[in-house]
Amino acid sequence: MKKSETYDMAKELNEIYNSYKDKIKFIGIIEGYVENQKELDEYLKNSKILFEQIDNTKSQGKPEILNYNMYCSPAKILIGRSGKVIHSSCGGGNSYELIQKLDSIKN
């Protein structure tokens, strides 16, 4: 992924986060394969994501923690208070439906 795409994705996610952070909990899940902890730390430093990130990366001798079969990035999943998924979408730039759903539940 190009740095400009990473920045745009981070910008989009951070704008949504900043709009709803006082009402809704945000958690990011970092995916992929990393060679070592230094590589992961560098990625986190450069990602500029403002909310908490969970390390779900794999490396030699380190399996992923969560296995939920998501095949897009970013995957945007909204889980309601009951623990059920109430919205999911894939990719950047298509956050309109997510924002509508967030607006409907933020109070």
N, C-alpha and C. Protein backbone atom coordinates (compact mmCIF):
# COMPACT_ATOMS: atom_id res chain seq x y z
N MET A 1 0.84 -1.18 0.00
CA MET A 1 0.00 0.00 0.00
C MET A 1 0.89 1.24 0.00
N LYS A 2 0.55 2.20 -0.81
CA LYS A 2 1.32 3.43 -0.89
C LYS A 2 1.08 4.29 0.35
N LYS A 3 2.08 5.09 0.73
CA LYS A 3 1.94 5.94 1.90
C LYS A 3 0.76 6.89 1.77
N SER A 4 0.50 7.42 0.56
CA SER A 4 -0.62 8.36 0.40
C SER A 4 -1.95 7.66 0.68
N GLU A 5 -2.08 6.37 0.27
CA GLU A 5 -3.30 5.63 0.57
C GLU A 5 -3.43 5.39 2.06
N THR A 6 -2.33 5.06 2.72
CA THR A 6 -2.36 4.86 4.16
C THR A 6 -2.77 6.15 4.86
N TYR A 7 -2.21 7.26 4.45
CA TYR A 7 -2.54 8.55 5.07
C TYR A 7 -4.01 8.88 4.86
N ASP A 8 -4.52 8.71 3.64
CA ASP A 8 -5.92 9.01 3.37
C ASP A 8 -6.84 8.13 4.20
N MET A 9 -6.50 6.85 4.33
CA MET A 9 -7.30 5.93 5.12
C MET A 9 -7.27 6.37 6.59
N ALA A 10 -6.10 6.70 7.09
CA ALA A 10 -5.99 7.16 8.47
C ALA A 10 -6.78 8.44 8.67
N LYS A 11 -6.70 9.35 7.72
CA LYS A 11 -7.43 10.62 7.82
C LYS A 11 -8.93 10.36 7.90
N GLU A 12 -9.43 9.50 7.02
CA GLU A 12 -10.86 9.19 7.01
C GLU A 12 -11.29 8.57 8.35
N LEU A 13 -10.55 7.58 8.80
CA LEU A 13 -10.90 6.91 10.06
C LEU A 13 -10.79 7.86 11.25
N ASN A 14 -9.76 8.70 11.26
CA ASN A 14 -9.59 9.66 12.36
C ASN A 14 -10.70 10.70 12.38
N GLU A 15 -11.19 11.12 11.22
CA GLU A 15 -12.29 12.08 11.17
C GLU A 15 -13.55 11.47 11.78
N ILE A 16 -13.82 10.22 11.44
CA ILE A 16 -14.98 9.52 12.02
C ILE A 16 -14.79 9.37 13.52
N TYR A 17 -13.60 8.95 13.92
CA TYR A 17 -13.28 8.78 15.34
C TYR A 17 -13.49 10.10 16.10
N ASN A 18 -12.95 11.18 15.58
CA ASN A 18 -13.07 12.48 16.26
C ASN A 18 -14.51 12.93 16.39
N SER A 19 -15.35 12.56 15.44
CA SER A 19 -16.76 12.95 15.50
C SER A 19 -17.56 12.17 16.53
N TYR A 20 -17.13 10.95 16.85
CA TYR A 20 -17.95 10.07 17.69
C TYR A 20 -17.24 9.54 18.94
N LYS A 21 -16.00 9.92 19.17
CA LYS A 21 -15.21 9.32 20.24
C LYS A 21 -15.79 9.51 21.64
N ASP A 22 -16.58 10.53 21.85
CA ASP A 22 -17.16 10.75 23.18
C ASP A 22 -18.39 9.87 23.43
N LYS A 23 -18.91 9.23 22.39
CA LYS A 23 -20.12 8.42 22.52
C LYS A 23 -19.91 6.94 22.22
N ILE A 24 -18.89 6.63 21.41
CA ILE A 24 -18.70 5.27 20.91
C ILE A 24 -17.24 4.86 21.06
N LYS A 25 -16.99 3.62 21.46
CA LYS A 25 -15.64 3.08 21.62
C LYS A 25 -15.12 2.59 20.27
N PHE A 26 -13.91 2.99 19.91
CA PHE A 26 -13.27 2.57 18.67
C PHE A 26 -12.07 1.69 18.99
N ILE A 27 -11.92 0.61 18.23
CA ILE A 27 -10.76 -0.27 18.35
C ILE A 27 -10.34 -0.67 16.96
N GLY A 28 -9.06 -0.56 16.65
CA GLY A 28 -8.52 -1.01 15.37
C GLY A 28 -7.83 -2.35 15.57
N ILE A 29 -7.82 -3.14 14.52
CA ILE A 29 -7.14 -4.43 14.55
C ILE A 29 -6.11 -4.42 13.43
N ILE A 30 -4.85 -4.56 13.78
CA ILE A 30 -3.77 -4.54 12.81
C ILE A 30 -3.56 -5.95 12.28
N GLU A 31 -3.61 -6.09 10.98
CA GLU A 31 -3.51 -7.37 10.30
C GLU A 31 -2.21 -7.47 9.52
N GLY A 32 -1.89 -8.66 9.09
CA GLY A 32 -0.78 -8.87 8.17
C GLY A 32 0.35 -9.64 8.79
N TYR A 33 1.44 -9.70 8.06
CA TYR A 33 2.63 -10.42 8.49
C TYR A 33 3.72 -9.39 8.77
N VAL A 34 4.36 -9.48 9.92
CA VAL A 34 5.48 -8.60 10.24
C VAL A 34 6.69 -9.46 10.57
N GLU A 35 7.83 -8.99 10.15
CA GLU A 35 9.08 -9.72 10.39
C GLU A 35 9.49 -9.68 11.85
N ASN A 36 9.27 -8.52 12.51
CA ASN A 36 9.72 -8.36 13.90
C ASN A 36 8.97 -7.21 14.57
N GLN A 37 9.15 -7.08 15.85
CA GLN A 37 8.46 -6.05 16.63
C GLN A 37 8.83 -4.65 16.17
N LYS A 38 10.08 -4.45 15.76
CA LYS A 38 10.51 -3.14 15.29
C LYS A 38 9.71 -2.71 14.06
N GLU A 39 9.45 -3.64 13.14
CA GLU A 39 8.64 -3.35 11.96
C GLU A 39 7.22 -2.93 12.36
N LEU A 40 6.64 -3.64 13.32
CA LEU A 40 5.29 -3.31 13.79
C LEU A 40 5.28 -1.94 14.47
N ASP A 41 6.26 -1.69 15.31
CA ASP A 41 6.35 -0.40 15.99
C ASP A 41 6.46 0.75 14.99
N GLU A 42 7.23 0.55 13.93
CA GLU A 42 7.39 1.57 12.89
C GLU A 42 6.07 1.80 12.16
N TYR A 43 5.36 0.72 11.87
CA TYR A 43 4.05 0.86 11.23
C TYR A 43 3.10 1.67 12.10
N LEU A 44 3.03 1.34 13.38
CA LEU A 44 2.14 2.06 14.30
C LEU A 44 2.51 3.53 14.39
N LYS A 45 3.78 3.82 14.44
CA LYS A 45 4.25 5.19 14.53
C LYS A 45 3.83 5.99 13.29
N ASN A 46 3.92 5.36 12.13
CA ASN A 46 3.63 6.05 10.87
C ASN A 46 2.15 6.03 10.49
N SER A 47 1.34 5.19 11.11
CA SER A 47 -0.06 5.06 10.70
C SER A 47 -0.90 6.27 11.10
N LYS A 48 -0.55 6.92 12.17
CA LYS A 48 -1.26 8.11 12.65
C LYS A 48 -2.71 7.85 13.05
N ILE A 49 -3.06 6.59 13.29
CA ILE A 49 -4.41 6.27 13.77
C ILE A 49 -4.50 6.72 15.22
N LEU A 50 -5.57 7.42 15.56
CA LEU A 50 -5.71 8.03 16.88
C LEU A 50 -6.29 7.11 17.94
N PHE A 51 -6.93 6.02 17.54
CA PHE A 51 -7.58 5.16 18.53
C PHE A 51 -6.78 3.89 18.77
N GLU A 52 -7.15 3.17 19.82
CA GLU A 52 -6.45 1.96 20.24
C GLU A 52 -6.35 0.93 19.12
N GLN A 53 -5.20 0.30 19.02
CA GLN A 53 -4.96 -0.72 18.01
C GLN A 53 -4.61 -2.05 18.69
N ILE A 54 -5.20 -3.14 18.22
CA ILE A 54 -4.90 -4.48 18.71
C ILE A 54 -3.99 -5.15 17.69
N ASP A 55 -2.91 -5.73 18.17
CA ASP A 55 -1.95 -6.43 17.30
C ASP A 55 -2.48 -7.82 16.97
N ASN A 56 -2.89 -8.01 15.73
CA ASN A 56 -3.32 -9.33 15.26
C ASN A 56 -2.43 -9.78 14.10
N THR A 57 -1.19 -9.28 14.10
CA THR A 57 -0.26 -9.65 13.05
C THR A 57 0.33 -11.03 13.32
N LYS A 58 0.81 -11.62 12.25
CA LYS A 58 1.49 -12.90 12.35
C LYS A 58 2.97 -12.68 12.05
N SER A 59 3.79 -13.54 12.58
CA SER A 59 5.19 -13.59 12.22
C SER A 59 5.66 -15.02 12.48
N GLN A 60 6.87 -15.30 12.15
CA GLN A 60 7.36 -16.65 12.37
C GLN A 60 7.28 -16.97 13.86
N GLY A 61 6.55 -18.00 14.18
CA GLY A 61 6.40 -18.41 15.58
C GLY A 61 5.33 -17.64 16.35
N LYS A 62 4.63 -16.74 15.68
CA LYS A 62 3.59 -15.95 16.33
C LYS A 62 2.31 -16.01 15.50
N PRO A 63 1.33 -16.80 15.93
CA PRO A 63 0.08 -16.89 15.17
C PRO A 63 -0.79 -15.66 15.43
N GLU A 64 -1.72 -15.41 14.51
CA GLU A 64 -2.68 -14.34 14.75
C GLU A 64 -3.56 -14.72 15.93
N ILE A 65 -4.05 -13.72 16.65
CA ILE A 65 -4.89 -13.95 17.83
C ILE A 65 -6.34 -14.19 17.41
N LEU A 66 -6.83 -13.35 16.52
CA LEU A 66 -8.21 -13.41 16.06
C LEU A 66 -8.24 -14.00 14.65
N ASN A 67 -9.16 -14.90 14.41
CA ASN A 67 -9.32 -15.44 13.08
C ASN A 67 -10.78 -15.26 12.70
N TYR A 68 -11.06 -14.20 11.96
CA TYR A 68 -12.44 -13.86 11.66
C TYR A 68 -12.72 -13.73 10.17
N ASN A 69 -11.77 -14.16 9.34
CA ASN A 69 -11.96 -14.25 7.89
C ASN A 69 -12.38 -12.94 7.23
N MET A 70 -11.72 -11.85 7.55
CA MET A 70 -11.96 -10.58 6.87
C MET A 70 -10.94 -10.45 5.76
N TYR A 71 -11.38 -10.03 4.58
CA TYR A 71 -10.49 -9.96 3.44
C TYR A 71 -10.48 -8.58 2.79
N CYS A 72 -10.67 -7.55 3.59
CA CYS A 72 -10.60 -6.20 3.06
C CYS A 72 -9.96 -5.29 4.10
N SER A 73 -9.54 -4.12 3.62
CA SER A 73 -8.90 -3.18 4.52
C SER A 73 -9.24 -1.76 4.07
N PRO A 74 -9.74 -0.94 4.95
CA PRO A 74 -10.13 -1.32 6.31
C PRO A 74 -11.52 -1.97 6.30
N ALA A 75 -11.69 -2.91 7.17
CA ALA A 75 -13.01 -3.47 7.43
C ALA A 75 -13.61 -2.62 8.53
N LYS A 76 -14.81 -2.14 8.32
CA LYS A 76 -15.48 -1.29 9.32
C LYS A 76 -16.66 -2.07 9.86
N ILE A 77 -16.55 -2.45 11.12
CA ILE A 77 -17.59 -3.28 11.75
C ILE A 77 -18.11 -2.54 12.96
N LEU A 78 -19.40 -2.39 13.03
CA LEU A 78 -20.05 -1.71 14.14
C LEU A 78 -20.82 -2.76 14.93
N ILE A 79 -20.46 -2.88 16.20
CA ILE A 79 -21.09 -3.87 17.08
C ILE A 79 -21.96 -3.12 18.08
N GLY A 80 -23.21 -3.50 18.15
CA GLY A 80 -24.16 -2.86 19.06
C GLY A 80 -23.95 -3.29 20.50
N ARG A 81 -24.66 -2.67 21.40
CA ARG A 81 -24.54 -2.98 22.83
C ARG A 81 -24.84 -4.44 23.15
N SER A 82 -25.66 -5.07 22.33
CA SER A 82 -26.02 -6.48 22.56
C SER A 82 -24.92 -7.43 22.11
N GLY A 83 -23.87 -6.89 21.45
CA GLY A 83 -22.78 -7.72 20.98
C GLY A 83 -22.97 -8.23 19.56
N LYS A 84 -24.05 -7.81 18.90
CA LYS A 84 -24.31 -8.24 17.53
C LYS A 84 -23.82 -7.19 16.54
N VAL A 85 -23.35 -7.65 15.39
CA VAL A 85 -22.91 -6.75 14.33
C VAL A 85 -24.14 -6.04 13.76
N ILE A 86 -24.08 -4.70 13.75
CA ILE A 86 -25.21 -3.92 13.21
C ILE A 86 -24.83 -3.21 11.92
N HIS A 87 -23.55 -3.23 11.57
CA HIS A 87 -23.11 -2.67 10.29
C HIS A 87 -21.73 -3.24 9.98
N SER A 88 -21.49 -3.51 8.70
CA SER A 88 -20.14 -3.84 8.25
C SER A 88 -19.97 -3.34 6.82
N SER A 89 -18.78 -2.86 6.53
CA SER A 89 -18.45 -2.41 5.18
C SER A 89 -16.95 -2.56 4.98
N CYS A 90 -16.54 -2.54 3.73
CA CYS A 90 -15.14 -2.75 3.37
C CYS A 90 -14.58 -1.55 2.62
N GLY A 91 -13.31 -1.30 2.87
CA GLY A 91 -12.57 -0.32 2.11
C GLY A 91 -12.74 1.10 2.59
N GLY A 92 -11.89 1.94 2.07
CA GLY A 92 -11.92 3.35 2.43
C GLY A 92 -12.80 4.13 1.48
N GLY A 93 -13.22 5.29 1.92
CA GLY A 93 -13.97 6.19 1.07
C GLY A 93 -15.45 5.91 0.93
N ASN A 94 -15.96 4.89 1.59
CA ASN A 94 -17.40 4.59 1.48
C ASN A 94 -18.03 4.56 2.87
N SER A 95 -17.83 5.61 3.61
CA SER A 95 -18.25 5.64 5.01
C SER A 95 -19.63 6.24 5.23
N TYR A 96 -20.34 6.60 4.18
CA TYR A 96 -21.64 7.26 4.33
C TYR A 96 -22.61 6.42 5.17
N GLU A 97 -22.77 5.13 4.83
CA GLU A 97 -23.70 4.28 5.58
C GLU A 97 -23.24 4.08 7.02
N LEU A 98 -21.94 3.95 7.23
CA LEU A 98 -21.40 3.82 8.59
C LEU A 98 -21.72 5.06 9.41
N ILE A 99 -21.53 6.22 8.84
CA ILE A 99 -21.79 7.47 9.55
C ILE A 99 -23.28 7.60 9.86
N GLN A 100 -24.14 7.21 8.92
CA GLN A 100 -25.59 7.23 9.19
C GLN A 100 -25.92 6.33 10.38
N LYS A 101 -25.35 5.15 10.42
CA LYS A 101 -25.61 4.20 11.51
C LYS A 101 -25.07 4.74 12.82
N LEU A 102 -23.88 5.33 12.81
CA LEU A 102 -23.31 5.93 14.01
C LEU A 102 -24.21 7.05 14.53
N ASP A 103 -24.68 7.88 13.62
CA ASP A 103 -25.59 8.97 14.02
C ASP A 103 -26.86 8.43 14.67
N SER A 104 -27.34 7.28 14.20
CA SER A 104 -28.58 6.73 14.73
C SER A 104 -28.43 6.11 16.10
N ILE A 105 -27.21 5.76 16.51
CA ILE A 105 -27.02 5.08 17.80
C ILE A 105 -26.20 5.85 18.81
N LYS A 106 -25.71 7.02 18.47
CA LYS A 106 -24.76 7.69 19.35
C LYS A 106 -25.34 8.21 20.65
N ASN A 107 -26.62 8.29 20.79
CA ASN A 107 -27.21 8.81 22.03
C ASN A 107 -27.63 7.73 22.97
